[in-house]
Amino acid sequence: MIDRTHDLPLTRQCQILDLARSTAYYKPEPTSAEELALMRRMDELHLEHPFAGSRMLRDLLRKEGYPVNRKRVRRLMKKMGIEALYRKPNTSARHTAHPVYPYLLRNQIIDRPNQVWAMDITYIPMRRGFVYLAAVLDWATRRVLSWRLSNTLTTDFCLDAVNEAIARHGCPEIFNTDQGSQFTSAEFTDLLKTHSIQISMDGKGCWRDNVFVERLWKSVKYEEVYLRAYDSVSEARASLARYFGFYNTRRPHQALDGQTPDEIYFSNLQEKIAA
């Protein structure tokens, strides 16, 4: 909105747009190496202890020698998009103006491909900086249907992932997410409604409602992300593409009797077509 080449002074442009002058002169600074190391350790602790809030994370970090206070921990948790997973009032990351849909999977038998898809977003550390990863997962077969990386927590990269999954695999009967603002937005829910997909959302703080995506994040991070230090987003994208290829086609799953997600997903689809 601010045009530095315009004849109108920056001060006047800010007045017209009702912006503080500091906004026009602000230059973002990269996250320091110290803070990136702290954020990575917070991410690891969050995976190990998903119930830990800012107070507990602060205490765990202090025991490891990190001189942090609760205010800093809370700021970084917000920046990373993580929160303690337990029932608590008024702490959901959802937008208060967005509608929330009921959880449809309770007592459901989910045993076939494309019956239920699930989606979530997680924080991915790099050597210098971080990105966010969104993935669409087939609930019954654990197959990763599509994924996207973004450097911001916006809705557009989630929409891209869903559109790719639908284009490649058709539509599910039910699509389940948490109550994050990306998933409760009109753009996201309208996309699902357009394809006549039922919308399901986890209860507030009920991590078990989307447990298979949480397990996926743990596998991705301990088997891929934490073993590397990506130098760029393009390197992260290429390395994650290799991992998801391995995850779908070669990695055996105990919950699938040692078979891979691809074996279960495509064999069930072929049986459905034959029937």
C-alpha atoms as a PDB file:
ATOM      1  CA  MET A   1       0.000   0.000   0.000  1.00  0.00           C
ATOM      2  CA  ILE A   2       2.915   2.335   0.734  1.00  0.00           C
ATOM      3  CA  ASP A   3       4.565   3.582  -2.471  1.00  0.00           C
ATOM      4  CA  ARG A   4       8.054   4.951  -1.792  1.00  0.00           C
ATOM      5  CA  THR A   5       8.356   6.280  -5.354  1.00  0.00           C
ATOM      6  CA  HIS A   6       5.165   8.372  -5.140  1.00  0.00           C
ATOM      7  CA  ASP A   7       5.329  12.183  -4.993  1.00  0.00           C
ATOM      8  CA  LEU A   8       3.215  12.115  -1.829  1.00  0.00           C
ATOM      9  CA  PRO A   9       5.452  12.028   1.290  1.00  0.00           C
ATOM     10  CA  LEU A  10       5.507   8.799   3.288  1.00  0.00           C
ATOM     11  CA  THR A  11       4.155  10.667   6.308  1.00  0.00           C
ATOM     12  CA  ARG A  12       1.084  11.768   4.346  1.00  0.00           C
ATOM     13  CA  GLN A  13       0.575   8.289   2.862  1.00  0.00           C
ATOM     14  CA  CYS A  14       0.571   6.848   6.389  1.00  0.00           C
ATOM     15  CA  GLN A  15      -1.978   9.443   7.515  1.00  0.00           C
ATOM     16  CA  ILE A  16      -4.304   8.620   4.607  1.00  0.00           C
ATOM     17  CA  LEU A  17      -4.029   4.858   5.306  1.00  0.00           C
ATOM     18  CA  ASP A  18      -4.338   5.403   9.072  1.00  0.00           C
ATOM     19  CA  LEU A  19      -1.026   3.639   9.676  1.00  0.00           C
ATOM     20  CA  ALA A  20       1.688   4.431  12.184  1.00  0.00           C
ATOM     21  CA  ARG A  21       4.745   5.980  10.534  1.00  0.00           C
ATOM     22  CA  SER A  22       6.934   3.330  12.115  1.00  0.00           C
ATOM     23  CA  THR A  23       5.157   0.761   9.925  1.00  0.00           C
ATOM     24  CA  ALA A  24       6.603   2.341   6.780  1.00  0.00           C
ATOM     25  CA  TYR A  25      10.168   2.375   8.120  1.00  0.00           C
ATOM     26  CA  TYR A  26      10.183  -0.986   9.923  1.00  0.00           C
ATOM     27  CA  LYS A  27      12.612  -3.581   8.578  1.00  0.00           C
ATOM     28  CA  PRO A  28      12.034  -7.126   9.869  1.00  0.00           C
ATOM     29  CA  GLU A  29      15.025  -8.768  11.511  1.00  0.00           C
ATOM     30  CA  PRO A  30      15.804 -12.479  11.109  1.00  0.00           C
ATOM     31  CA  THR A  31      15.255 -14.743  14.111  1.00  0.00           C
ATOM     32  CA  SER A  32      18.517 -15.201  16.011  1.00  0.00           C
ATOM     33  CA  ALA A  33      20.305 -18.558  16.145  1.00  0.00           C
ATOM     34  CA  GLU A  34      19.765 -18.639  19.921  1.00  0.00           C
ATOM     35  CA  GLU A  35      16.004 -18.202  19.554  1.00  0.00           C
ATOM     36  CA  LEU A  36      15.786 -20.765  16.762  1.00  0.00           C
ATOM     37  CA  ALA A  37      17.562 -23.315  18.984  1.00  0.00           C
ATOM     38  CA  LEU A  38      15.136 -22.510  21.797  1.00  0.00           C
ATOM     39  CA  MET A  39      12.132 -22.885  19.468  1.00  0.00           C
ATOM     40  CA  ARG A  40      13.394 -26.244  18.231  1.00  0.00           C
ATOM     41  CA  ARG A  41      13.776 -27.513  21.792  1.00  0.00           C
ATOM     42  CA  MET A  42      10.285 -26.231  22.642  1.00  0.00           C
ATOM     43  CA  ASP A  43       8.941 -28.146  19.634  1.00  0.00           C
ATOM     44  CA  GLU A  44      10.648 -31.342  20.826  1.00  0.00           C
ATOM     45  CA  LEU A  45       9.262 -30.888  24.345  1.00  0.00           C
ATOM     46  CA  HIS A  46       5.798 -30.201  22.941  1.00  0.00           C
ATOM     47  CA  LEU A  47       5.879 -33.528  21.073  1.00  0.00           C
ATOM     48  CA  GLU A  48       7.036 -35.366  24.210  1.00  0.00           C
ATOM     49  CA  HIS A  49       4.644 -33.560  26.579  1.00  0.00           C
ATOM     50  CA  PRO A  50       1.688 -32.179  24.568  1.00  0.00           C
ATOM     51  CA  PHE A  51      -0.115 -31.304  27.810  1.00  0.00           C
ATOM     52  CA  ALA A  52       2.619 -28.848  28.869  1.00  0.00           C
ATOM     53  CA  GLY A  53       1.545 -25.211  28.887  1.00  0.00           C
ATOM     54  CA  SER A  54       3.749 -22.124  29.055  1.00  0.00           C
ATOM     55  CA  ARG A  55       4.464 -22.541  32.789  1.00  0.00           C
ATOM     56  CA  MET A  56       5.536 -26.172  32.496  1.00  0.00           C
ATOM     57  CA  LEU A  57       7.574 -25.534  29.349  1.00  0.00           C
ATOM     58  CA  ARG A  58       9.286 -22.625  31.099  1.00  0.00           C
ATOM     59  CA  ASP A  59      10.213 -24.877  34.032  1.00  0.00           C
ATOM     60  CA  LEU A  60      11.385 -27.723  31.775  1.00  0.00           C
ATOM     61  CA  LEU A  61      13.546 -25.321  29.780  1.00  0.00           C
ATOM     62  CA  ARG A  62      15.025 -23.747  32.912  1.00  0.00           C
ATOM     63  CA  LYS A  63      16.038 -27.200  34.156  1.00  0.00           C
ATOM     64  CA  GLU A  64      17.973 -27.603  30.901  1.00  0.00           C
ATOM     65  CA  GLY A  65      19.752 -24.263  31.350  1.00  0.00           C
ATOM     66  CA  TYR A  66      17.624 -21.987  29.151  1.00  0.00           C
ATOM     67  CA  PRO A  67      17.159 -18.600  30.937  1.00  0.00           C
ATOM     68  CA  VAL A  68      13.540 -18.003  29.878  1.00  0.00           C
ATOM     69  CA  ASN A  69      10.494 -16.491  31.513  1.00  0.00           C
ATOM     70  CA  ARG A  70       6.858 -17.358  30.901  1.00  0.00           C
ATOM     71  CA  LYS A  71       6.227 -14.280  28.745  1.00  0.00           C
ATOM     72  CA  ARG A  72       8.909 -15.323  26.276  1.00  0.00           C
ATOM     73  CA  VAL A  73       7.680 -18.923  26.187  1.00  0.00           C
ATOM     74  CA  ARG A  74       4.108 -17.775  25.518  1.00  0.00           C
ATOM     75  CA  ARG A  75       5.295 -15.469  22.714  1.00  0.00           C
ATOM     76  CA  LEU A  76       7.246 -18.254  21.027  1.00  0.00           C
ATOM     77  CA  MET A  77       4.393 -20.749  21.424  1.00  0.00           C
ATOM     78  CA  LYS A  78       2.122 -18.304  19.603  1.00  0.00           C
ATOM     79  CA  LYS A  79       4.769 -17.755  16.916  1.00  0.00           C
ATOM     80  CA  MET A  80       5.139 -21.523  16.435  1.00  0.00           C
ATOM     81  CA  GLY A  81       1.404 -22.170  16.445  1.00  0.00           C
ATOM     82  CA  ILE A  82       1.451 -24.618  19.359  1.00  0.00           C
ATOM     83  CA  GLU A  83      -0.575 -24.760  22.567  1.00  0.00           C
ATOM     84  CA  ALA A  84      -1.076 -27.155  25.462  1.00  0.00           C
ATOM     85  CA  LEU A  85      -3.497 -29.934  24.552  1.00  0.00           C
ATOM     86  CA  TYR A  86      -5.979 -30.183  27.392  1.00  0.00           C
ATOM     87  CA  ARG A  87      -9.422 -28.836  28.141  1.00  0.00           C
ATOM     88  CA  LYS A  88      -9.253 -25.189  29.121  1.00  0.00           C
ATOM     89  CA  PRO A  89     -11.470 -22.123  28.656  1.00  0.00           C
ATOM     90  CA  ASN A  90     -10.963 -19.472  25.963  1.00  0.00           C
ATOM     91  CA  THR A  91      -7.589 -20.655  24.674  1.00  0.00           C
ATOM     92  CA  SER A  92      -8.474 -22.063  21.248  1.00  0.00           C
ATOM     93  CA  ALA A  93      -6.677 -20.512  18.305  1.00  0.00           C
ATOM     94  CA  ARG A  94      -9.900 -20.285  16.308  1.00  0.00           C
ATOM     95  CA  HIS A  95     -11.304 -16.982  15.086  1.00  0.00           C
ATOM     96  CA  THR A  96     -14.222 -15.971  17.329  1.00  0.00           C
ATOM     97  CA  ALA A  97     -16.300 -14.862  14.335  1.00  0.00           C
ATOM     98  CA  HIS A  98     -15.942 -18.202  12.540  1.00  0.00           C
ATOM     99  CA  PRO A  99     -18.495 -20.995  13.100  1.00  0.00           C
ATOM    100  CA  VAL A 100     -17.341 -24.289  14.625  1.00  0.00           C
ATOM    101  CA  TYR A 101     -18.686 -27.624  13.377  1.00  0.00           C
ATOM    102  CA  PRO A 102     -19.393 -30.715  15.521  1.00  0.00           C
ATOM    103  CA  TYR A 103     -17.048 -33.692  15.789  1.00  0.00           C
ATOM    104  CA  LEU A 104     -18.524 -36.446  13.582  1.00  0.00           C
ATOM    105  CA  LEU A 105     -16.104 -39.322  14.170  1.00  0.00           C
ATOM    106  CA  ARG A 106     -17.075 -40.404  17.680  1.00  0.00           C
ATOM    107  CA  ASN A 107     -18.156 -44.077  17.704  1.00  0.00           C
ATOM    108  CA  GLN A 108     -17.644 -44.244  13.922  1.00  0.00           C
ATOM    109  CA  ILE A 109     -16.070 -47.321  12.321  1.00  0.00           C
ATOM    110  CA  ILE A 110     -13.512 -45.918   9.866  1.00  0.00           C
ATOM    111  CA  ASP A 111     -12.186 -48.765   7.737  1.00  0.00           C
ATOM    112  CA  ARG A 112     -11.954 -47.700   4.084  1.00  0.00           C
ATOM    113  CA  PRO A 113     -10.005 -45.183   1.978  1.00  0.00           C
ATOM    114  CA  ASN A 114     -11.552 -41.768   1.372  1.00  0.00           C
ATOM    115  CA  GLN A 115     -14.095 -42.271   4.140  1.00  0.00           C
ATOM    116  CA  VAL A 116     -12.409 -39.697   6.391  1.00  0.00           C
ATOM    117  CA  TRP A 117      -9.569 -37.287   5.684  1.00  0.00           C
ATOM    118  CA  ALA A 118      -7.821 -35.295   8.380  1.00  0.00           C
ATOM    119  CA  MET A 119      -5.634 -32.192   8.213  1.00  0.00           C
ATOM    120  CA  ASP A 120      -3.374 -30.225  10.527  1.00  0.00           C
ATOM    121  CA  ILE A 121      -0.455 -27.760  10.550  1.00  0.00           C
ATOM    122  CA  THR A 122       2.870 -28.110  12.361  1.00  0.00           C
ATOM    123  CA  TYR A 123       6.074 -26.099  12.879  1.00  0.00           C
ATOM    124  CA  ILE A 124       9.213 -27.169  10.961  1.00  0.00           C
ATOM    125  CA  PRO A 125      12.603 -25.797  12.128  1.00  0.00           C
ATOM    126  CA  MET A 126      15.382 -25.026   9.632  1.00  0.00           C
ATOM    127  CA  ARG A 127      19.015 -23.999  10.082  1.00  0.00           C
ATOM    128  CA  ARG A 128      18.089 -20.330   9.731  1.00  0.00           C
ATOM    129  CA  GLY A 129      14.399 -19.785  10.256  1.00  0.00           C
ATOM    130  CA  PHE A 130      11.341 -22.009  10.162  1.00  0.00           C
ATOM    131  CA  VAL A 131       8.308 -22.877   8.051  1.00  0.00           C
ATOM    132  CA  TYR A 132       4.893 -24.434   8.593  1.00  0.00           C
ATOM    133  CA  LEU A 133       3.827 -27.792   7.173  1.00  0.00           C
ATOM    134  CA  ALA A 134       0.208 -28.672   6.375  1.00  0.00           C
ATOM    135  CA  ALA A 135      -0.763 -32.221   5.373  1.00  0.00           C
ATOM    136  CA  VAL A 136      -3.927 -34.076   4.347  1.00  0.00           C
ATOM    137  CA  LEU A 137      -4.054 -37.634   5.712  1.00  0.00           C
ATOM    138  CA  ASP A 138      -6.382 -40.510   4.868  1.00  0.00           C
ATOM    139  CA  TRP A 139      -7.594 -41.658   8.290  1.00  0.00           C
ATOM    140  CA  ALA A 140      -8.089 -45.387   7.615  1.00  0.00           C
ATOM    141  CA  THR A 141      -4.851 -46.040   5.719  1.00  0.00           C
ATOM    142  CA  ARG A 142      -2.568 -43.309   7.190  1.00  0.00           C
ATOM    143  CA  ARG A 143      -1.621 -42.289   3.642  1.00  0.00           C
ATOM    144  CA  VAL A 144      -0.407 -38.692   3.175  1.00  0.00           C
ATOM    145  CA  LEU A 145      -2.511 -37.482   0.245  1.00  0.00           C
ATOM    146  CA  SER A 146      -0.984 -34.012  -0.163  1.00  0.00           C
ATOM    147  CA  TRP A 147       1.084 -31.449   1.742  1.00  0.00           C
ATOM    148  CA  ARG A 148       2.331 -27.878   1.515  1.00  0.00           C
ATOM    149  CA  LEU A 149       4.956 -25.644   3.140  1.00  0.00           C
ATOM    150  CA  SER A 150       4.464 -21.969   4.009  1.00  0.00           C
ATOM    151  CA  ASN A 151       6.365 -19.295   5.920  1.00  0.00           C
ATOM    152  CA  THR A 152       3.104 -17.863   7.307  1.00  0.00           C
ATOM    153  CA  LEU A 153       0.083 -19.323   9.080  1.00  0.00           C
ATOM    154  CA  THR A 154      -2.395 -18.322   6.387  1.00  0.00           C
ATOM    155  CA  THR A 155      -5.287 -20.233   4.837  1.00  0.00           C
ATOM    156  CA  ASP A 156      -4.079 -20.290   1.231  1.00  0.00           C
ATOM    157  CA  PHE A 157      -1.496 -23.078   1.560  1.00  0.00           C
ATOM    158  CA  CYS A 158      -4.097 -25.249   3.321  1.00  0.00           C
ATOM    159  CA  LEU A 159      -6.515 -24.657   0.431  1.00  0.00           C
ATOM    160  CA  ASP A 160      -3.802 -25.622  -2.057  1.00  0.00           C
ATOM    161  CA  ALA A 161      -3.188 -28.912  -0.233  1.00  0.00           C
ATOM    162  CA  VAL A 162      -6.897 -29.791  -0.122  1.00  0.00           C
ATOM    163  CA  ASN A 163      -7.413 -28.901  -3.787  1.00  0.00           C
ATOM    164  CA  GLU A 164      -4.505 -31.141  -4.787  1.00  0.00           C
ATOM    165  CA  ALA A 165      -5.793 -34.041  -2.677  1.00  0.00           C
ATOM    166  CA  ILE A 166      -9.264 -33.763  -4.228  1.00  0.00           C
ATOM    167  CA  ALA A 167      -7.863 -33.466  -7.769  1.00  0.00           C
ATOM    168  CA  ARG A 168      -5.691 -36.556  -7.302  1.00  0.00           C
ATOM    169  CA  HIS A 169      -7.910 -38.782  -5.164  1.00  0.00           C
ATOM    170  CA  GLY A 170     -11.514 -37.569  -5.365  1.00  0.00           C
ATOM    171  CA  CYS A 171     -13.512 -36.436  -2.340  1.00  0.00           C
ATOM    172  CA  PRO A 172     -13.833 -37.952   1.133  1.00  0.00           C
ATOM    173  CA  GLU A 173     -17.124 -38.361   2.912  1.00  0.00           C
ATOM    174  CA  ILE A 174     -15.895 -36.468   6.017  1.00  0.00           C
ATOM    175  CA  PHE A 175     -13.045 -33.972   6.473  1.00  0.00           C
ATOM    176  CA  ASN A 176     -11.750 -33.534  10.044  1.00  0.00           C
ATOM    177  CA  THR A 177      -9.584 -30.685  11.411  1.00  0.00           C
ATOM    178  CA  ASP A 178      -9.018 -28.836  14.660  1.00  0.00           C
ATOM    179  CA  GLN A 179     -10.609 -25.445  15.386  1.00  0.00           C
ATOM    180  CA  GLY A 180      -7.721 -23.368  14.029  1.00  0.00           C
ATOM    181  CA  SER A 181      -8.646 -20.139  12.260  1.00  0.00           C
ATOM    182  CA  GLN A 182      -7.375 -21.501   8.930  1.00  0.00           C
ATOM    183  CA  PHE A 183      -9.886 -24.362   9.073  1.00  0.00           C
ATOM    184  CA  THR A 184     -12.873 -22.425  10.425  1.00  0.00           C
ATOM    185  CA  SER A 185     -12.485 -19.673   7.803  1.00  0.00           C
ATOM    186  CA  ALA A 186     -15.220 -19.214   5.206  1.00  0.00           C
ATOM    187  CA  GLU A 187     -12.734 -19.903   2.388  1.00  0.00           C
ATOM    188  CA  PHE A 188     -11.841 -23.319   3.802  1.00  0.00           C
ATOM    189  CA  THR A 189     -15.319 -24.480   4.825  1.00  0.00           C
ATOM    190  CA  ASP A 190     -16.852 -23.213   1.572  1.00  0.00           C
ATOM    191  CA  LEU A 191     -14.360 -25.325  -0.385  1.00  0.00           C
ATOM    192  CA  LEU A 192     -15.513 -28.447   1.466  1.00  0.00           C
ATOM    193  CA  LYS A 193     -19.181 -27.547   1.094  1.00  0.00           C
ATOM    194  CA  THR A 194     -18.730 -27.007  -2.636  1.00  0.00           C
ATOM    195  CA  HIS A 195     -17.657 -30.651  -2.913  1.00  0.00           C
ATOM    196  CA  SER A 196     -20.464 -31.866  -0.583  1.00  0.00           C
ATOM    197  CA  ILE A 197     -17.943 -32.996   2.051  1.00  0.00           C
ATOM    198  CA  GLN A 198     -19.158 -33.231   5.648  1.00  0.00           C
ATOM    199  CA  ILE A 199     -17.152 -30.990   8.000  1.00  0.00           C
ATOM    200  CA  SER A 200     -15.931 -32.368  11.330  1.00  0.00           C
ATOM    201  CA  MET A 201     -13.883 -30.477  13.927  1.00  0.00           C
ATOM    202  CA  ASP A 202     -12.094 -31.643  17.072  1.00  0.00           C
ATOM    203  CA  GLY A 203     -13.418 -30.611  20.451  1.00  0.00           C
ATOM    204  CA  LYS A 204     -11.457 -27.763  22.049  1.00  0.00           C
ATOM    205  CA  GLY A 205      -8.172 -29.146  23.367  1.00  0.00           C
ATOM    206  CA  CYS A 206      -9.128 -32.749  22.464  1.00  0.00           C
ATOM    207  CA  TRP A 207      -5.918 -33.900  20.764  1.00  0.00           C
ATOM    208  CA  ARG A 208      -7.193 -37.500  20.676  1.00  0.00           C
ATOM    209  CA  ASP A 209      -9.856 -36.420  18.173  1.00  0.00           C
ATOM    210  CA  ASN A 210      -7.110 -36.042  15.550  1.00  0.00           C
ATOM    211  CA  VAL A 211      -4.603 -38.484  17.010  1.00  0.00           C
ATOM    212  CA  PHE A 212      -3.429 -39.989  13.705  1.00  0.00           C
ATOM    213  CA  VAL A 213      -2.211 -36.619  12.428  1.00  0.00           C
ATOM    214  CA  GLU A 214      -0.410 -36.064  15.751  1.00  0.00           C
ATOM    215  CA  ARG A 215       1.317 -39.426  15.239  1.00  0.00           C
ATOM    216  CA  LEU A 216       2.250 -38.415  11.708  1.00  0.00           C
ATOM    217  CA  TRP A 217       3.926 -35.237  13.001  1.00  0.00           C
ATOM    218  CA  LYS A 218       5.955 -37.260  15.500  1.00  0.00           C
ATOM    219  CA  SER A 219       7.140 -39.621  12.747  1.00  0.00           C
ATOM    220  CA  VAL A 220       7.988 -36.764  10.366  1.00  0.00           C
ATOM    221  CA  LYS A 221       9.989 -34.887  12.966  1.00  0.00           C
ATOM    222  CA  TYR A 222      11.925 -37.722  14.586  1.00  0.00           C
ATOM    223  CA  GLU A 223      12.554 -39.651  11.360  1.00  0.00           C
ATOM    224  CA  GLU A 224      13.239 -36.668   9.081  1.00  0.00           C
ATOM    225  CA  VAL A 225      13.203 -33.080  10.368  1.00  0.00           C
ATOM    226  CA  TYR A 226      15.294 -33.426  13.537  1.00  0.00           C
ATOM    227  CA  LEU A 227      17.936 -35.413  11.656  1.00  0.00           C
ATOM    228  CA  ARG A 228      18.579 -32.530   9.265  1.00  0.00           C
ATOM    229  CA  ALA A 229      19.116 -28.777   9.218  1.00  0.00           C
ATOM    230  CA  TYR A 230      17.492 -27.395   6.100  1.00  0.00           C
ATOM    231  CA  ASP A 231      19.345 -24.414   4.609  1.00  0.00           C
ATOM    232  CA  SER A 232      16.381 -23.201   2.549  1.00  0.00           C
ATOM    233  CA  VAL A 233      12.679 -23.733   1.966  1.00  0.00           C
ATOM    234  CA  SER A 234      13.450 -25.439  -1.348  1.00  0.00           C
ATOM    235  CA  GLU A 235      15.774 -27.895   0.418  1.00  0.00           C
ATOM    236  CA  ALA A 236      13.128 -28.562   3.071  1.00  0.00           C
ATOM    237  CA  ARG A 237      10.522 -29.163   0.353  1.00  0.00           C
ATOM    238  CA  ALA A 238      12.757 -31.599  -1.562  1.00  0.00           C
ATOM    239  CA  SER A 239      13.768 -33.528   1.562  1.00  0.00           C
ATOM    240  CA  LEU A 240      10.201 -33.774   2.860  1.00  0.00           C
ATOM    241  CA  ALA A 241       9.047 -34.968  -0.572  1.00  0.00           C
ATOM    242  CA  ARG A 242      11.555 -37.834  -0.338  1.00  0.00           C
ATOM    243  CA  TYR A 243      10.402 -38.652   3.184  1.00  0.00           C
ATOM    244  CA  PHE A 244       6.703 -38.687   2.322  1.00  0.00           C
ATOM    245  CA  GLY A 245       7.484 -40.908  -0.656  1.00  0.00           C
ATOM    246  CA  PHE A 246       9.234 -43.309   1.743  1.00  0.00           C
ATOM    247  CA  TYR A 247       6.414 -42.961   4.306  1.00  0.00           C
ATOM    248  CA  ASN A 248       3.706 -43.874   1.803  1.00  0.00           C
ATOM    249  CA  THR A 249       5.449 -46.550  -0.245  1.00  0.00           C
ATOM    250  CA  ARG A 250       8.110 -48.260   1.886  1.00  0.00           C
ATOM    251  CA  ARG A 251       7.647 -47.552   5.604  1.00  0.00           C
ATOM    252  CA  PRO A 252       5.732 -50.436   7.275  1.00  0.00           C
ATOM    253  CA  HIS A 253       3.146 -49.469   9.896  1.00  0.00           C
ATOM    254  CA  GLN A 254       2.479 -51.605  12.952  1.00  0.00           C
ATOM    255  CA  ALA A 255      -1.167 -50.467  12.962  1.00  0.00           C
ATOM    256  CA  LEU A 256      -1.459 -51.744   9.368  1.00  0.00           C
ATOM    257  CA  ASP A 257      -0.014 -55.204  10.178  1.00  0.00           C
ATOM    258  CA  GLY A 258       3.349 -54.248   8.726  1.00  0.00           C
ATOM    259  CA  GLN A 259       1.955 -53.022   5.420  1.00  0.00           C
ATOM    260  CA  THR A 260       2.522 -49.581   3.924  1.00  0.00           C
ATOM    261  CA  PRO A 261      -0.145 -46.883   3.552  1.00  0.00           C
ATOM    262  CA  ASP A 262      -0.007 -47.223  -0.252  1.00  0.00           C
ATOM    263  CA  GLU A 263      -0.620 -50.988  -0.081  1.00  0.00           C
ATOM    264  CA  ILE A 264      -3.697 -50.553   2.111  1.00  0.00           C
ATOM    265  CA  TYR A 265      -5.024 -47.473   0.316  1.00  0.00           C
ATOM    266  CA  PHE A 266      -4.825 -48.771  -3.262  1.00  0.00           C
ATOM    267  CA  SER A 267      -5.760 -52.394  -2.526  1.00  0.00           C
ATOM    268  CA  ASN A 268      -8.953 -51.245  -0.817  1.00  0.00           C
ATOM    269  CA  LEU A 269      -9.785 -48.914  -3.712  1.00  0.00           C
ATOM    270  CA  GLN A 270      -9.329 -51.774  -6.197  1.00  0.00           C
ATOM    271  CA  GLU A 271     -11.626 -54.008  -4.157  1.00  0.00           C
ATOM    272  CA  LYS A 272     -14.233 -51.244  -4.104  1.00  0.00           C
ATOM    273  CA  ILE A 273     -13.998 -50.811  -7.900  1.00  0.00           C
ATOM    274  CA  ALA A 274     -14.243 -54.599  -8.449  1.00  0.00           C
ATOM    275  CA  ALA A 275     -17.314 -54.775  -6.223  1.00  0.00           C
END
